[in-house]
Structure formats: structure tokens, C-alpha cells
């Protein structure tokens, strides 16, 4: 018996001819859908192409591929006419439909289906921003964790620098033996804390070095607060339109984000004929807004724009989430179903194909094909971080300015002390180094040791 068999695909498939010992050649009709069938130059490749290739070798037949004319899986209209791949099989334009074709009771009435080659269910994908969890510490959200750590380090270094400048500079502390030091460590931190609140806390520095450090810190604090409130304002503005969506019930209970599925597909039929009130509300919303997608590709594209949630079958959505790092699939999966090959009623090839599918499953070939075509190749992985919190590198210049100011301030304080030590060395006819060392001991040593040293110097004199 000689004949031709046409296989209908709803995925991009390899246009190829496999010649076996049997001289038969079967025509295959397909539609491009990643990863079931994708274009590669003038040829097609994908999961379903590899699947039919393995089945053809197992059963023993040749085939050729053509695209389904209307680009649809198959749905029945009001007149009872079927479209898509199912329609081509019914009308004899195709002998088989090989694609991610869902097994449904309605389709089983008009065509025969093989043993399923893949199990799936209904879920949805959305942008990660819409799936983010509510943050209890939203006040910290304008800055990242690294940014807060950097601010803490800058705060501690600035407080320590103010303390050191207050001790080293002769203008700030001219007589360590008789005067109380104004800028203690505690007051130094209190002083820069006041700058963060734009209030200030006296006494203020008198020396040029102290004023320089204070001015740099005030500039740092003002610019930092401006960045914080600007980012916090944008966060609050975005949160006004933000809805955390984790389940189909969350999806049905909100009206800010549009959602939809492929028009005329089995997923739409599930929501249309479901008795579950949540699913019915989802269908009514899709009907009211006409938010259906014409294809899987359009649904993914609209989802990447953050204003859309695409509902579909979990295995197809898993691939989209693996390809686009900004997308995530919901953990909820409902209405478990399976993909199978459709054939005309009473097709003699149906039994052989079912057995071949079972053999491929038992040998691990189907698992191999899954791993091959569902491997993650995240597009935009570098920019996958959806957080809008400011990072340290965003304010790198501000931190560099602060560090430069602190360094210059300390250098000026040391120059003031060196200049004073030089003058005292000239007056006392001593070496500058000994006078500088004595000054540092007076400023950072205990008063008892300093007084004892003075008494020793007087007794020697």
C-alpha cells in the first residue's frame, strides 16, 4: 500500500525528508513555535522535528513538511467547521498533526490521538516585577544592601576623621593640657548625624581642615538625601500601579494588569467552559477587554513589556522563562493535560505511533529531547536584576569626593600641627621632630603622662 502522510505541526520544524526502507513519503504541515519548531535558514528544527524523525525511523516511513495554512492549533466555529491542524486532518489535507497539541474531549470526537508524548498543565508567565513579594522594609528599598553598607562605612570614617582633625589641628585644640577637647568621638558622630538630618549640632569646627571635612560631609549628605528621596518617590509611584500576582485568584481579583491566552486554543476553551467562578471571571475579563494574543510569541512579547500576563501551557511557558530572565512562571498549575499526535479516525498508523512513543519514553529519548530544547539560554542575564535600588557604583563619584575631602582635611590638620611644631622648635631651639612627637603625645596620650613629662623637663632645666 502506497500513500502519503501529512503531519501537522504547531511549532517550527525541520523541512526534511527521511527516506527509509519503506518508499512511502508523508506530507507534514507545521507552524513555527519555539522550541517545537524554529527556522534555521531555509530549514526548520525543534522538539517536534526531532520527535517525528525518531518516530519515522522507528516505524519506518518518509515525510515532508509544510506549514499549516491559518497558523492555528484547531478550534470549532459556530457552523461546526474546524480550523487549524485539526481541520486539516479532518479534511484529509494532513494525515497527522504533530505539535504541542492538547488532548481534549472535543478533539477526540473528531480525530484519534496517540499516547501522549508530553504532560503539562495551565499556568501563566509574568514580569518579575509583578511577581515580587511585598517588602516590609520599603524605607530601605531606594538603596541596595551594598549601598547601605557603603553609607555606614562612610559615616564611620567621617566621624573618625572629624575626631582626628579635632585632636590634631592646633586651631581646634590649642592647649591640650588645659583645654577640654570639643570634638570627642561621641560628639563627632553626633555632629555628622545632625548633618544627615539637615539640622547640625554645635560646636562647629573652627580650623580650615575641620571646616573642609564638615563641608564635604554636608555636601555628601545633601546629595545622598536627594538621591534617596528621588528614588523613594519613584518607588512609591510605581507601587501605586504594582500588584503582586502569585495565583489565578490574584489575577482575577485585580484589574490593573491585562491578561490573556491564545485566541481559539484549548486554554481559552478551558476557561470558557469551566464551572470554577475564578476561572469564569478570568474568561469574562479576557472577553470584555479582548486581551487575547494571536500567538505564543505575541503573548511573550507583551509580557516582556510588563503590562501583560500571558496564560498558557506550562511547558511552553517554562521555555519562555528560560529564554527571558525577566519573566517568571507562576508555581500554580491547573487543568493537567497532555500533548499527543492527532490522526484521522481509524488511521492504521495510530497504534504503531503510540507504541513508538512509549518506546522512546522508556529508552529516555523523550527526556533527552526535553533537556536539549528546554536548556536555559537566558537573554539579558546581565540585566536580569529587576531591582531599581541604587547601587554603590551609581554614586561612585559622590563616594570618591567624600574620600578625597577626608584625606585633604586630615592632611591640612597635620600641616597645621607641623607648622606649629616648626615655630616652637625655632623658639625653643629644638628639633622639629621632637616637638612634633611631643605634640602628638600631648594630644593622643594621657594627661598624666604629659604632665609628668613636663615636670621632668622642668627639673632637667
Protein backbone atom coordinates (compact mmCIF):
# COMPACT_ATOMS: atom_id res chain seq x y z
CA UNK A 1 0.00 0.00 0.00
CA UNK A 2 1.41 3.31 -1.09
CA UNK A 3 0.32 6.69 0.17
CA UNK A 4 1.27 9.99 1.62
CA UNK A 5 1.01 11.09 5.19
CA UNK A 6 0.92 14.79 6.16
CA UNK A 7 1.98 15.67 9.69
CA UNK A 8 0.66 18.95 11.10
CA UNK A 9 2.96 20.87 13.47
CA UNK A 10 2.21 23.93 15.60
CA UNK A 11 5.91 24.61 16.06
CA UNK A 12 8.87 25.47 13.88
CA UNK A 13 10.06 22.22 12.34
CA UNK A 14 12.80 20.97 10.12
CA UNK A 15 11.75 20.71 6.48
CA UNK A 16 13.42 17.49 5.72
CA UNK A 17 12.83 14.21 4.03
CA UNK A 18 13.67 10.93 5.72
CA UNK A 19 13.96 8.03 3.34
CA UNK A 20 13.62 4.64 4.93
CA UNK A 21 13.40 1.17 3.53
CA UNK A 22 9.69 1.93 3.00
CA UNK A 23 9.23 4.06 -0.12
CA UNK A 24 6.29 5.96 1.39
CA UNK A 25 6.58 9.69 1.85
CA UNK A 26 4.23 11.56 4.13
CA UNK A 27 3.49 15.29 3.98
CA UNK A 28 3.84 17.25 7.26
CA UNK A 29 2.20 20.60 7.89
CA UNK A 30 3.59 22.80 10.67
CA UNK A 31 3.60 26.25 12.26
CA UNK A 32 6.60 27.96 13.81
CA UNK A 33 6.67 27.90 17.59
CA UNK A 34 9.75 27.88 19.76
CA UNK A 35 11.04 25.30 20.67
CA UNK A 36 8.79 22.83 18.92
CA UNK A 37 9.72 24.17 15.51
CA UNK A 38 12.02 27.06 14.64
CA UNK A 39 13.52 28.45 11.45
CA UNK A 40 17.18 27.88 10.79
CA UNK A 41 17.98 29.31 7.43
CA UNK A 42 15.85 27.53 4.87
CA UNK A 43 15.23 24.61 7.23
CA UNK A 44 13.23 24.07 10.39
CA UNK A 45 14.28 22.46 13.64
CA UNK A 46 12.80 21.81 17.07
CA UNK A 47 11.48 19.32 19.56
CA UNK A 48 8.66 18.09 17.33
CA UNK A 49 11.00 17.78 14.36
CA UNK A 50 13.34 15.57 16.37
CA UNK A 51 10.34 13.65 17.68
CA UNK A 52 8.89 12.88 14.26
CA UNK A 53 12.36 12.00 12.99
CA UNK A 54 12.74 9.42 15.76
CA UNK A 55 9.22 8.09 15.17
CA UNK A 56 9.83 7.83 11.42
CA UNK A 57 12.96 5.78 11.98
CA UNK A 58 11.18 3.58 14.48
CA UNK A 59 8.02 2.97 12.46
CA UNK A 60 9.63 3.21 9.02
CA UNK A 61 8.24 5.97 6.83
CA UNK A 62 9.39 9.08 4.95
CA UNK A 63 7.80 12.51 5.18
CA UNK A 64 7.84 16.11 4.01
CA UNK A 65 6.84 19.28 5.85
CA UNK A 66 4.56 22.20 5.04
CA UNK A 67 3.14 24.96 7.26
CA UNK A 68 -0.44 24.90 8.47
CA UNK A 69 -2.30 27.49 6.43
CA UNK A 70 -4.08 29.50 9.13
CA UNK A 71 -1.39 29.10 11.80
CA UNK A 72 -3.76 27.67 14.43
CA UNK A 73 -3.99 24.55 16.55
CA UNK A 74 -7.62 23.84 15.84
CA UNK A 75 -10.96 25.11 17.10
CA UNK A 76 -14.56 24.60 16.00
CA UNK A 77 -16.70 27.55 14.90
CA UNK A 78 -20.44 28.10 15.22
CA UNK A 79 -21.04 26.19 12.00
CA UNK A 80 -19.17 23.14 13.26
CA UNK A 81 -16.18 23.66 10.99
CA UNK A 82 -12.72 23.10 12.40
CA UNK A 83 -9.74 25.38 11.81
CA UNK A 84 -6.02 24.84 12.19
CA UNK A 85 -4.26 21.50 12.30
CA UNK A 86 -7.34 19.58 13.44
CA UNK A 87 -9.26 20.95 10.45
CA UNK A 88 -6.55 19.85 8.01
CA UNK A 89 -6.55 16.34 9.48
CA UNK A 90 -10.36 16.13 9.26
CA UNK A 91 -10.43 17.37 5.65
CA UNK A 92 -7.66 14.97 4.62
CA UNK A 93 -5.16 17.74 3.90
CA UNK A 94 -2.89 16.18 6.50
CA UNK A 95 -2.55 12.63 7.73
CA UNK A 96 -1.06 13.55 11.10
CA UNK A 97 -0.84 16.61 13.30
CA UNK A 98 2.43 16.56 15.24
CA UNK A 99 2.72 19.54 17.55
CA UNK A 100 2.14 20.64 21.15
CA UNK A 101 -1.46 19.64 20.52
CA UNK A 102 -3.54 19.29 23.68
CA UNK A 103 -5.72 16.22 24.09
CA UNK A 104 -9.31 17.37 24.73
CA UNK A 105 -12.67 15.63 24.68
CA UNK A 106 -13.89 17.86 21.83
CA UNK A 107 -10.91 16.96 19.64
CA UNK A 108 -11.19 13.27 20.49
CA UNK A 109 -14.70 13.33 18.96
CA UNK A 110 -13.38 14.23 15.52
CA UNK A 111 -9.83 12.79 15.40
CA UNK A 112 -7.86 9.99 17.03
CA UNK A 113 -5.00 10.85 19.38
CA UNK A 114 -1.88 8.81 20.11
CA UNK A 115 -0.36 8.09 23.50
CA UNK A 116 0.74 11.46 24.95
CA UNK A 117 4.39 12.34 24.45
CA UNK A 118 4.40 15.17 26.99
CA UNK A 119 2.48 16.09 30.16
CA UNK A 120 1.65 19.68 31.02
CA UNK A 121 -0.96 21.96 32.63
CA UNK A 122 -2.20 25.54 32.51
CA UNK A 123 -0.19 28.28 34.19
CA UNK A 124 0.89 31.84 33.40
CA UNK A 125 4.04 33.89 32.99
CA UNK A 126 4.55 37.45 34.10
CA UNK A 127 7.29 40.00 34.52
CA UNK A 128 9.31 39.50 37.69
CA UNK A 129 8.30 42.97 38.87
CA UNK A 130 4.68 41.82 39.08
CA UNK A 131 5.63 38.67 40.98
CA UNK A 132 7.81 40.42 43.56
CA UNK A 133 6.94 40.00 47.17
CA UNK A 134 5.77 42.94 49.26
CA UNK A 135 8.66 44.45 51.18
CA UNK A 136 8.04 45.23 54.85
CA UNK A 137 11.16 47.40 54.94
CA UNK A 138 10.19 49.56 51.99
CA UNK A 139 12.01 52.54 53.53
CA UNK A 140 15.26 50.77 52.74
CA UNK A 141 14.29 49.94 49.15
CA UNK A 142 15.73 53.06 47.44
CA UNK A 143 19.26 51.82 48.21
CA UNK A 144 20.66 48.33 47.76
CA UNK A 145 22.25 46.39 50.61
CA UNK A 146 25.73 47.18 49.29
CA UNK A 147 24.80 50.84 49.15
CA UNK A 148 23.68 50.87 52.78
CA UNK A 149 26.92 49.15 53.80
CA UNK A 150 28.88 51.78 51.88
CA UNK A 151 26.97 54.60 53.60
CA UNK A 152 27.66 53.05 57.02
CA UNK A 153 31.38 52.80 56.25
CA UNK A 154 31.40 56.41 55.01
CA UNK A 155 29.63 57.51 58.21
CA UNK A 156 32.14 55.76 60.46
CA UNK A 157 35.16 57.05 58.53
CA UNK A 158 33.84 60.62 58.51
CA UNK A 159 33.15 60.56 62.24
CA UNK A 160 36.63 59.22 62.90
CA UNK A 161 38.14 61.85 60.57
CA UNK A 162 36.32 64.69 62.37
CA UNK A 163 37.60 63.33 65.68
CA UNK A 164 41.20 63.11 64.40
CA UNK A 165 41.11 66.57 62.85
CA UNK A 166 39.74 68.00 66.10
CA UNK A 167 42.63 66.44 68.00
CA UNK A 168 45.41 67.17 65.55
CA UNK A 169 44.58 70.71 64.47
CA UNK A 170 46.05 73.36 66.85
CA UNK A 171 43.21 75.71 65.88
CA UNK A 172 40.64 73.25 67.21
CA UNK A 173 42.61 72.31 70.32
CA UNK A 174 45.41 74.75 71.07
CA UNK A 175 46.23 73.74 74.64
CA UNK A 176 45.67 70.03 75.27
CA UNK A 177 46.90 70.34 78.89
CA UNK A 178 44.41 72.96 79.98
CA UNK A 179 41.51 72.94 77.50
CA UNK A 180 38.74 70.41 77.13
CA UNK A 181 38.56 68.80 73.73
CA UNK A 182 35.29 69.80 71.97
CA UNK A 183 35.22 67.09 69.34
CA UNK A 184 35.17 63.90 71.33
CA UNK A 185 34.47 60.68 69.44
CA UNK A 186 30.84 60.70 70.59
CA UNK A 187 30.32 64.34 69.63
CA UNK A 188 31.96 63.77 66.23
CA UNK A 189 29.40 61.11 65.34
CA UNK A 190 26.60 63.24 66.76
CA UNK A 191 27.78 66.17 64.65
CA UNK A 192 27.70 64.27 61.34
CA UNK A 193 24.38 62.67 62.30
CA UNK A 194 22.95 66.17 62.59
CA UNK A 195 24.17 66.86 59.06
CA UNK A 196 22.21 63.86 57.77
CA UNK A 197 19.03 65.39 59.22
CA UNK A 198 20.00 68.82 57.82
CA UNK A 199 19.94 70.26 61.34
CA UNK A 200 23.55 70.39 62.53
CA UNK A 201 24.86 70.07 66.07
CA UNK A 202 27.35 72.54 67.64
CA UNK A 203 30.03 73.39 68.36
CA UNK A 204 31.20 73.68 64.77
CA UNK A 205 34.79 73.32 63.58
CA UNK A 206 36.99 76.42 63.67
CA UNK A 207 40.01 75.22 61.70
CA UNK A 208 40.18 75.16 57.92
CA UNK A 209 40.73 71.41 57.96
CA UNK A 210 37.68 70.79 60.15
CA UNK A 211 35.52 73.10 58.07
CA UNK A 212 36.63 71.38 54.87
CA UNK A 213 35.70 67.93 56.24
CA UNK A 214 32.37 69.29 57.51
CA UNK A 215 31.58 70.96 54.17
CA UNK A 216 32.37 67.79 52.22
CA UNK A 217 30.22 65.71 54.55
CA UNK A 218 27.34 68.19 54.31
CA UNK A 219 27.58 68.10 50.50
CA UNK A 220 27.68 64.30 50.60
CA UNK A 221 24.64 64.20 52.92
CA UNK A 222 22.57 66.64 50.82
CA UNK A 223 23.24 64.82 47.55
CA UNK A 224 22.68 61.43 49.19
CA UNK A 225 19.34 62.53 50.63
CA UNK A 226 18.33 63.96 47.26
CA UNK A 227 19.06 60.61 45.59
CA UNK A 228 17.25 58.73 48.35
CA UNK A 229 14.04 60.77 48.22
CA UNK A 230 14.04 60.85 44.43
CA UNK A 231 14.30 57.07 44.21
CA UNK A 232 11.86 56.59 47.07
CA UNK A 233 9.33 58.81 45.31
CA UNK A 234 9.63 56.81 42.08
CA UNK A 235 9.28 53.59 44.09
CA UNK A 236 6.07 54.82 45.70
CA UNK A 237 4.78 55.95 42.31
CA UNK A 238 5.44 52.55 40.77
CA UNK A 239 3.90 50.79 43.78
CA UNK A 240 0.64 52.63 43.13
CA UNK A 241 0.32 50.55 39.97
CA UNK A 242 2.03 47.47 41.39
CA UNK A 243 0.06 44.31 42.00
CA UNK A 244 1.68 41.22 43.44
CA UNK A 245 0.34 38.29 41.38
CA UNK A 246 1.07 34.75 42.50
CA UNK A 247 -2.02 32.74 41.56
CA UNK A 248 -5.01 32.71 39.23
CA UNK A 249 -7.12 34.11 42.05
CA UNK A 250 -4.75 37.09 42.38
CA UNK A 251 -5.05 37.53 38.64
CA UNK A 252 -8.85 37.52 38.73
CA UNK A 253 -9.04 39.90 41.71
CA UNK A 254 -7.15 42.75 40.04
CA UNK A 255 -7.99 44.97 37.10
CA UNK A 256 -4.75 46.91 36.59
CA UNK A 257 -2.84 44.34 34.53
CA UNK A 258 -4.33 42.84 31.37
CA UNK A 259 -4.06 39.11 30.80
CA UNK A 260 -4.94 36.72 28.05
CA UNK A 261 -4.21 33.50 26.21
CA UNK A 262 -4.01 32.36 22.59
CA UNK A 263 -7.36 33.01 20.98
CA UNK A 264 -9.21 29.88 19.92
CA UNK A 265 -6.87 27.47 21.73
CA UNK A 266 -7.63 24.75 24.26
CA UNK A 267 -6.55 27.03 27.12
CA UNK A 268 -9.23 29.55 26.17
CA UNK A 269 -11.77 26.72 25.99
CA UNK A 270 -10.82 25.58 29.48
CA UNK A 271 -11.66 28.98 30.98
CA UNK A 272 -14.72 29.39 28.78
CA UNK A 273 -16.41 26.17 29.89
CA UNK A 274 -15.10 25.97 33.46
CA UNK A 275 -17.57 25.96 36.36
CA UNK A 276 -14.97 27.43 38.73
CA UNK A 277 -16.03 31.03 39.49
CA UNK A 278 -12.41 32.25 39.48
CA UNK A 279 -11.74 30.80 36.04
CA UNK A 280 -15.07 32.11 34.76
CA UNK A 281 -14.15 35.63 35.90
CA UNK A 282 -10.82 35.32 34.10
CA UNK A 283 -12.59 34.34 30.88
CA UNK A 284 -15.15 37.15 31.20
CA UNK A 285 -12.35 39.66 31.74
CA UNK A 286 -10.49 38.42 28.65
CA UNK A 287 -13.69 38.62 26.62
CA UNK A 288 -14.54 42.10 27.85
CA UNK A 289 -11.11 43.55 27.12
CA UNK A 290 -10.40 41.34 24.09
CA UNK A 291 -6.94 40.79 25.55
CA UNK A 292 -6.22 37.59 23.66
CA UNK A 293 -2.90 37.03 21.93
CA UNK A 294 -2.77 35.84 18.36
CA UNK A 295 0.19 33.57 19.10
CA UNK A 296 2.55 32.41 21.80
CA UNK A 297 5.22 34.80 20.52
CA UNK A 298 2.92 37.80 20.82
CA UNK A 299 1.94 36.80 24.35
CA UNK A 300 5.59 36.58 25.42
CA UNK A 301 6.40 39.91 23.78
CA UNK A 302 3.56 41.68 25.56
CA UNK A 303 4.57 40.09 28.85
CA UNK A 304 8.10 41.44 28.48
CA UNK A 305 6.58 44.91 28.33
CA UNK A 306 5.43 44.44 31.99
CA UNK A 307 1.79 45.34 31.37
CA UNK A 308 0.52 41.88 30.48
CA UNK A 309 0.22 38.39 31.93
CA UNK A 310 0.17 35.53 29.44
CA UNK A 311 -1.75 32.34 30.23
CA UNK A 312 -0.72 29.15 28.51
CA UNK A 313 0.53 25.63 28.93
CA UNK A 314 3.28 25.19 31.48
CA UNK A 315 5.89 23.53 29.26
CA UNK A 316 5.73 26.32 26.69
CA UNK A 317 5.86 28.93 29.43
CA UNK A 318 8.86 27.20 31.03
CA UNK A 319 10.76 27.72 27.81
CA UNK A 320 9.87 31.42 27.70
CA UNK A 321 11.04 31.83 31.29
CA UNK A 322 14.28 30.00 30.44
CA UNK A 323 14.91 32.23 27.44
CA UNK A 324 13.98 35.56 29.03
CA UNK A 325 15.37 36.17 32.51
CA UNK A 326 12.90 38.95 33.26
CA UNK A 327 9.98 36.51 33.08
CA UNK A 328 8.87 34.03 35.69
CA UNK A 329 6.27 31.27 35.59
CA UNK A 330 3.71 31.01 38.35
CA UNK A 331 4.05 27.99 40.63
CA UNK A 332 0.33 27.29 40.28
CA UNK A 333 -0.51 24.75 37.57
CA UNK A 334 -4.13 23.72 36.94
CA UNK A 335 -6.02 21.53 34.48
CA UNK A 336 -3.34 18.93 33.87
CA UNK A 337 -3.35 17.80 30.28
CA UNK A 338 -1.13 16.13 27.70
CA UNK A 339 0.28 16.67 24.22
CA UNK A 340 -0.34 13.97 21.61
CA UNK A 341 -0.30 13.40 17.85
CA UNK A 342 -3.64 13.69 16.03
CA UNK A 343 -4.61 11.38 13.18
CA UNK A 344 -7.81 10.81 11.15
CA UNK A 345 -10.37 8.49 12.67
CA UNK A 346 -9.39 4.85 12.10
CA UNK A 347 -5.85 5.65 10.98
CA UNK A 348 -3.82 2.39 10.70
CA UNK A 349 -0.68 4.25 11.77
CA UNK A 350 -2.05 5.32 15.15
CA UNK A 351 -1.19 2.10 17.02
CA UNK A 352 2.37 1.99 15.67
CA UNK A 353 2.97 5.61 16.65
CA UNK A 354 1.64 5.06 20.16
CA UNK A 355 3.96 2.08 20.67
CA UNK A 356 6.91 4.04 19.27
CA UNK A 357 6.21 6.93 21.66
CA UNK A 358 6.18 4.52 24.61
CA UNK A 359 9.47 3.02 23.46
CA UNK A 360 11.07 6.48 23.18
CA UNK A 361 9.83 7.31 26.67
CA UNK A 362 11.15 4.08 28.18
CA UNK A 363 14.54 4.49 26.48
CA UNK A 364 14.95 8.03 27.81
CA UNK A 365 14.86 9.62 24.35
CA UNK A 366 11.98 11.94 25.23
CA UNK A 367 13.83 13.12 28.34
CA UNK A 368 16.91 13.77 26.20
CA UNK A 369 14.86 15.85 23.76
CA UNK A 370 13.37 17.83 26.64
CA UNK A 371 16.79 18.65 28.07
CA UNK A 372 18.06 19.53 24.60
CA UNK A 373 15.37 22.04 23.70
CA UNK A 374 14.46 23.40 27.13
CA UNK A 375 18.03 24.23 28.17
CA UNK A 376 18.18 27.70 29.72
CA UNK A 377 19.76 30.33 27.49
CA UNK A 378 18.75 33.41 29.41
CA UNK A 379 18.58 36.51 27.19
CA UNK A 380 19.71 39.61 29.04
CA UNK A 381 21.08 37.70 32.04
CA UNK A 382 23.43 40.57 32.86
CA UNK A 383 20.47 42.89 33.21
CA UNK A 384 18.22 40.35 34.86
CA UNK A 385 18.24 42.17 38.15
CA UNK A 386 14.84 43.85 38.37
CA UNK A 387 15.63 45.84 41.46
CA UNK A 388 15.63 49.61 40.97
CA UNK A 389 17.63 50.22 44.16
CA UNK A 390 20.68 52.41 43.73
CA UNK A 391 23.97 50.53 43.73
CA UNK A 392 27.32 51.87 45.04
CA UNK A 393 28.64 52.27 41.50
CA UNK A 394 25.71 54.60 40.73
CA UNK A 395 27.11 57.12 43.24
CA UNK A 396 30.77 56.27 42.78
CA UNK A 397 31.67 59.92 42.20
CA UNK A 398 29.99 61.01 45.41
CA UNK A 399 31.94 58.50 47.50
CA UNK A 400 35.19 59.47 45.77
CA UNK A 401 34.50 63.14 46.55
CA UNK A 402 33.94 62.30 50.20
CA UNK A 403 37.10 60.22 50.41
CA UNK A 404 39.13 62.99 48.77
CA UNK A 405 37.70 65.57 51.17
CA UNK A 406 38.50 63.44 54.21
CA UNK A 407 42.06 62.89 53.00
CA UNK A 408 42.67 66.57 52.30
CA UNK A 409 41.14 67.54 55.65
CA UNK A 410 43.47 65.21 57.56
CA UNK A 411 46.45 66.46 55.53
CA UNK A 412 45.62 70.09 56.34
CA UNK A 413 45.30 69.28 60.05
CA UNK A 414 48.74 67.61 60.00
CA UNK A 415 50.23 70.58 58.15
CA UNK A 416 48.80 72.93 60.80
CA UNK A 417 50.38 70.85 63.55
CA UNK A 418 53.70 70.60 61.69
CA UNK A 419 53.75 74.36 61.15
CA UNK A 420 53.13 74.93 64.87
CA UNK A 421 55.83 72.40 65.83
CA UNK A 422 58.27 74.10 63.46
CA UNK A 423 57.67 77.50 65.08
CA UNK A 424 58.04 76.03 68.57
CA UNK A 425 61.24 74.26 67.52
CA UNK A 426 62.70 77.54 66.35
CA UNK A 427 61.74 79.34 69.55
CA UNK A 428 62.98 76.55 71.83
CA UNK A 429 65.96 75.65 69.67
CA UNK A 430 64.82 72.06 69.46
CA UNK A 431 64.42 69.66 66.59
CA UNK A 432 61.11 69.83 64.74
CA UNK A 433 60.62 66.06 65.01
CA UNK A 434 60.96 66.02 68.80
CA UNK A 435 58.49 68.89 69.17
CA UNK A 436 56.05 67.23 66.77
CA UNK A 437 56.31 63.95 68.66
CA UNK A 438 55.72 65.77 71.95
CA UNK A 439 52.64 67.48 70.50
CA UNK A 440 51.21 64.21 69.28
CA UNK A 441 51.79 62.64 72.68
CA UNK A 442 50.02 65.54 74.36
CA UNK A 443 47.05 65.22 72.01
CA UNK A 444 46.69 61.45 71.94
CA UNK A 445 48.41 60.40 75.19
CA UNK A 446 47.07 60.65 78.73
CA UNK A 447 47.26 63.91 80.54
CA UNK A 448 49.11 62.30 83.46
CA UNK A 449 51.91 61.17 81.19
CA UNK A 450 52.07 64.60 79.57
CA UNK A 451 52.22 66.42 82.93
CA UNK A 452 54.89 64.01 84.19
CA UNK A 453 56.94 64.67 81.07
CA UNK A 454 56.65 68.44 81.60
CA UNK A 455 57.79 68.15 85.24
CA UNK A 456 60.75 66.04 84.12
CA UNK A 457 61.69 68.64 81.52
CA UNK A 458 61.47 71.45 84.11
CA UNK A 459 63.63 69.57 86.64
CA UNK A 460 66.25 68.98 83.97
CA UNK A 461 66.17 72.64 83.14
